[in-house]
Every structure is written in C-alpha cells, then in structure tokens.
Amino acid sequence: QLQPVESGGGLVQPGGSLRLSCAASDATLKDYYIGWFRQAPGKEREGVGCISSREGNTNYKDSVKGRFTISRDNAKNTIYLQMNSLKPEDTADYYCAAGRRGGSTWCSVLELWYDHWGQGTQVTVSS
C-alpha cells in the first residue's frame, strides 16, 4: 500500500522560502500524479498544485502561481514543493497525495482524484 510521507515543514519569516518533500519508501511514485494540498486552521483543505506522472505537467492554485513550484525526481522517488515569497496566509498543514486514475500526462487539484495521502507537515509563516 502506497504511503506518501511529507517532510520539510517549519517556521519561516514572511518573504522566506521552504522546500517540502514527498517520498515513499514502500512503493515507487513515478507512475503516480502527485498533488499538494494544504489546510489552514479553521479552513477546509484546498489544492495547491499538482504534477503529472509523465512529462511533468503542472497545475497551480492562482494564489501560489509564480511563487510555488512542483518538481519530481524519479531517481530519488521524491516530489518537491518549492515555496518562495511565503506569506502569513500560506500557514497551513501541507499534504501530498498520489493518484493514477486520471491518466499519466494529467493531474488535478481536486481531492477526489487522489487515493493515497500523507500525514502532513506543518508550515508556519510568521515574523
């Protein structure tokens, strides 16, 4: 059973950067599209962005476009979420999820397309 694991969260000042990682020790991620989601305190979980399994096609939530970048390193079985110019409103628990029902050159920021979820990593943006 695929179990993604997130890492890299922490406390960062506004304007700073963090890189989150999503890895799996018990399965290969190369055949899965990967989505990044976040849930802020008192709010519903929302999709941040995603990357397809083939061709590395990406989609992003409008509010993070130009600041966040998703990439994948299949040799390391890891997907990254590079977050730059962080804002206090980016504070949330961040989750990665894996799916493959939608196809290999496609991905979505809708939760219903994902079957395997990590436990999350906390990101706090504060001075």
C-alpha atoms as a PDB file:
ATOM      1  CA  GLN A   1       0.000   0.000   0.000  1.00  0.00           C
ATOM      2  CA  LEU A   2       1.475   3.313  -1.099  1.00  0.00           C
ATOM      3  CA  GLN A   3       2.066   5.682   1.810  1.00  0.00           C
ATOM      4  CA  PRO A   4       3.458   9.095   0.902  1.00  0.00           C
ATOM      5  CA  VAL A   5       5.455  10.903   3.574  1.00  0.00           C
ATOM      6  CA  GLU A   6       5.930  14.669   3.674  1.00  0.00           C
ATOM      7  CA  SER A   7       8.895  16.468   5.191  1.00  0.00           C
ATOM      8  CA  GLY A   8      10.497  19.891   5.213  1.00  0.00           C
ATOM      9  CA  GLY A   9       7.939  21.953   7.066  1.00  0.00           C
ATOM     10  CA  GLY A  10       8.836  24.505   9.701  1.00  0.00           C
ATOM     11  CA  LEU A  11       8.767  28.125  10.753  1.00  0.00           C
ATOM     12  CA  VAL A  12       9.815  30.757   8.230  1.00  0.00           C
ATOM     13  CA  GLN A  13       9.596  34.536   8.107  1.00  0.00           C
ATOM     14  CA  PRO A  14       7.403  36.312   5.544  1.00  0.00           C
ATOM     15  CA  GLY A  15       9.235  36.516   2.249  1.00  0.00           C
ATOM     16  CA  GLY A  16      11.246  33.415   3.017  1.00  0.00           C
ATOM     17  CA  SER A  17      11.391  30.038   1.312  1.00  0.00           C
ATOM     18  CA  LEU A  18      10.834  26.404   2.188  1.00  0.00           C
ATOM     19  CA  ARG A  19      11.058  23.220   0.188  1.00  0.00           C
ATOM     20  CA  LEU A  20       8.728  20.385   1.066  1.00  0.00           C
ATOM     21  CA  SER A  21       9.392  16.822   0.005  1.00  0.00           C
ATOM     22  CA  CYS A  22       7.019  13.948  -0.673  1.00  0.00           C
ATOM     23  CA  ALA A  23       8.547  10.486  -0.703  1.00  0.00           C
ATOM     24  CA  ALA A  24       7.522   6.866  -0.337  1.00  0.00           C
ATOM     25  CA  SER A  25       9.713   4.056   0.929  1.00  0.00           C
ATOM     26  CA  ASP A  26       7.312   1.229   0.150  1.00  0.00           C
ATOM     27  CA  ALA A  27       6.419   1.974  -3.470  1.00  0.00           C
ATOM     28  CA  THR A  28       7.551   3.922  -6.486  1.00  0.00           C
ATOM     29  CA  LEU A  29       5.928   7.264  -7.152  1.00  0.00           C
ATOM     30  CA  LYS A  30       6.920   7.539 -10.801  1.00  0.00           C
ATOM     31  CA  ASP A  31       3.612   6.109 -12.031  1.00  0.00           C
ATOM     32  CA  TYR A  32       1.501   8.493  -9.969  1.00  0.00           C
ATOM     33  CA  TYR A  33       0.487  12.070 -10.399  1.00  0.00           C
ATOM     34  CA  ILE A  34       1.109  13.936  -7.168  1.00  0.00           C
ATOM     35  CA  GLY A  35      -0.939  16.707  -5.651  1.00  0.00           C
ATOM     36  CA  TRP A  36      -0.056  19.125  -2.891  1.00  0.00           C
ATOM     37  CA  PHE A  37      -2.842  20.289  -0.610  1.00  0.00           C
ATOM     38  CA  ARG A  38      -2.988  22.459   2.470  1.00  0.00           C
ATOM     39  CA  GLN A  39      -5.330  23.060   5.355  1.00  0.00           C
ATOM     40  CA  ALA A  40      -5.151  26.224   7.384  1.00  0.00           C
ATOM     41  CA  PRO A  41      -6.579  26.374  10.904  1.00  0.00           C
ATOM     42  CA  GLY A  42     -10.351  26.594  10.766  1.00  0.00           C
ATOM     43  CA  LYS A  43     -10.475  26.207   6.996  1.00  0.00           C
ATOM     44  CA  GLU A  44     -11.161  23.423   4.557  1.00  0.00           C
ATOM     45  CA  ARG A  45      -8.347  21.641   2.805  1.00  0.00           C
ATOM     46  CA  GLU A  46      -7.537  23.099  -0.601  1.00  0.00           C
ATOM     47  CA  GLY A  47      -5.449  22.082  -3.553  1.00  0.00           C
ATOM     48  CA  VAL A  48      -2.199  23.989  -4.042  1.00  0.00           C
ATOM     49  CA  GLY A  49      -0.846  22.344  -7.150  1.00  0.00           C
ATOM     50  CA  CYS A  50      -0.018  19.067  -8.828  1.00  0.00           C
ATOM     51  CA  ILE A  51       2.358  17.353 -11.240  1.00  0.00           C
ATOM     52  CA  SER A  52       1.634  14.601 -13.735  1.00  0.00           C
ATOM     53  CA  SER A  53       3.488  11.299 -13.706  1.00  0.00           C
ATOM     54  CA  ARG A  54       4.752  11.728 -17.266  1.00  0.00           C
ATOM     55  CA  GLU A  55       6.002  14.922 -18.918  1.00  0.00           C
ATOM     56  CA  GLY A  56       5.938  16.793 -15.620  1.00  0.00           C
ATOM     57  CA  ASN A  57       2.849  18.835 -16.449  1.00  0.00           C
ATOM     58  CA  THR A  58       1.834  21.065 -13.560  1.00  0.00           C
ATOM     59  CA  ASN A  59      -1.192  22.999 -12.367  1.00  0.00           C
ATOM     60  CA  TYR A  60      -1.294  25.563  -9.577  1.00  0.00           C
ATOM     61  CA  LYS A  61      -3.826  27.395  -7.482  1.00  0.00           C
ATOM     62  CA  ASP A  62      -3.952  31.016  -8.654  1.00  0.00           C
ATOM     63  CA  SER A  63      -2.762  32.424  -5.340  1.00  0.00           C
ATOM     64  CA  VAL A  64       0.530  30.496  -5.483  1.00  0.00           C
ATOM     65  CA  LYS A  65       1.349  30.835  -9.168  1.00  0.00           C
ATOM     66  CA  GLY A  66       4.780  32.356  -9.622  1.00  0.00           C
ATOM     67  CA  ARG A  67       5.723  31.589  -6.005  1.00  0.00           C
ATOM     68  CA  PHE A  68       5.382  27.815  -5.728  1.00  0.00           C
ATOM     69  CA  THR A  69       6.990  25.233  -7.993  1.00  0.00           C
ATOM     70  CA  ILE A  70       6.390  21.487  -8.034  1.00  0.00           C
ATOM     71  CA  SER A  71       9.020  19.159  -9.437  1.00  0.00           C
ATOM     72  CA  ARG A  72       9.802  15.481  -9.314  1.00  0.00           C
ATOM     73  CA  ASP A  73      12.974  13.457  -9.143  1.00  0.00           C
ATOM     74  CA  ASN A  74      12.066   9.915 -10.073  1.00  0.00           C
ATOM     75  CA  ALA A  75      15.576   8.671  -9.348  1.00  0.00           C
ATOM     76  CA  LYS A  76      15.076   9.744  -5.731  1.00  0.00           C
ATOM     77  CA  ASN A  77      11.398   8.746  -5.712  1.00  0.00           C
ATOM     78  CA  THR A  78      10.615  12.214  -4.412  1.00  0.00           C
ATOM     79  CA  ILE A  79       8.372  15.113  -5.377  1.00  0.00           C
ATOM     80  CA  TYR A  80       9.171  18.631  -4.220  1.00  0.00           C
ATOM     81  CA  LEU A  81       7.131  21.712  -3.467  1.00  0.00           C
ATOM     82  CA  GLN A  82       9.407  24.748  -3.588  1.00  0.00           C
ATOM     83  CA  MET A  83       7.716  27.667  -1.859  1.00  0.00           C
ATOM     84  CA  ASN A  84       9.153  31.160  -2.286  1.00  0.00           C
ATOM     85  CA  SER A  85       7.983  34.601  -1.190  1.00  0.00           C
ATOM     86  CA  LEU A  86       5.965  32.997   1.572  1.00  0.00           C
ATOM     87  CA  LYS A  87       3.135  34.946   3.156  1.00  0.00           C
ATOM     88  CA  PRO A  88       1.413  34.530   6.522  1.00  0.00           C
ATOM     89  CA  GLU A  89      -1.656  33.262   4.668  1.00  0.00           C
ATOM     90  CA  ASP A  90       0.414  30.300   3.440  1.00  0.00           C
ATOM     91  CA  THR A  91       0.469  28.996   7.010  1.00  0.00           C
ATOM     92  CA  ALA A  92      -1.131  25.552   6.994  1.00  0.00           C
ATOM     93  CA  ASP A  93      -0.589  21.837   7.237  1.00  0.00           C
ATOM     94  CA  TYR A  94       0.637  20.678   3.855  1.00  0.00           C
ATOM     95  CA  TYR A  95      -0.199  17.261   2.444  1.00  0.00           C
ATOM     96  CA  CYS A  96       0.922  15.353  -0.599  1.00  0.00           C
ATOM     97  CA  ALA A  97      -1.280  12.789  -2.257  1.00  0.00           C
ATOM     98  CA  ALA A  98      -0.833  10.264  -5.047  1.00  0.00           C
ATOM     99  CA  GLY A  99      -3.234   9.053  -7.681  1.00  0.00           C
ATOM    100  CA  ARG A 100      -3.307   7.483 -11.135  1.00  0.00           C
ATOM    101  CA  ARG A 101      -6.933   7.059 -12.134  1.00  0.00           C
ATOM    102  CA  GLY A 102      -6.821  10.220 -14.213  1.00  0.00           C
ATOM    103  CA  GLY A 103      -4.000   9.371 -16.578  1.00  0.00           C
ATOM    104  CA  SER A 104      -0.264   9.842 -16.964  1.00  0.00           C
ATOM    105  CA  THR A 105       0.026  13.306 -18.517  1.00  0.00           C
ATOM    106  CA  TRP A 106      -2.625  14.938 -16.373  1.00  0.00           C
ATOM    107  CA  CYS A 107      -3.162  15.988 -12.815  1.00  0.00           C
ATOM    108  CA  SER A 108      -5.795  17.779 -10.757  1.00  0.00           C
ATOM    109  CA  VAL A 109      -6.025  19.846  -7.592  1.00  0.00           C
ATOM    110  CA  LEU A 110      -9.318  18.171  -6.716  1.00  0.00           C
ATOM    111  CA  GLU A 111      -9.104  15.727  -3.808  1.00  0.00           C
ATOM    112  CA  LEU A 112     -11.414  13.159  -5.379  1.00  0.00           C
ATOM    113  CA  TRP A 113      -8.700  12.127  -7.845  1.00  0.00           C
ATOM    114  CA  TYR A 114      -6.299  11.021  -5.119  1.00  0.00           C
ATOM    115  CA  ASP A 115      -6.253   7.697  -3.295  1.00  0.00           C
ATOM    116  CA  HIS A 116      -3.087   7.822  -1.178  1.00  0.00           C
ATOM    117  CA  TRP A 117      -2.460  10.577   1.341  1.00  0.00           C
ATOM    118  CA  GLY A 118       0.407  11.534   3.574  1.00  0.00           C
ATOM    119  CA  GLN A 119       0.114  12.645   7.182  1.00  0.00           C
ATOM    120  CA  GLY A 120       1.086  16.232   6.518  1.00  0.00           C
ATOM    121  CA  THR A 121       3.810  18.642   7.530  1.00  0.00           C
ATOM    122  CA  GLN A 122       3.242  21.977   9.226  1.00  0.00           C
ATOM    123  CA  VAL A 123       4.311  25.266   7.659  1.00  0.00           C
ATOM    124  CA  THR A 124       4.161  28.450   9.693  1.00  0.00           C
ATOM    125  CA  VAL A 125       4.926  31.817   8.134  1.00  0.00           C
ATOM    126  CA  SER A 126       5.399  34.402  10.832  1.00  0.00           C
ATOM    127  CA  SER A 127       7.783  37.096  11.965  1.00  0.00           C
END
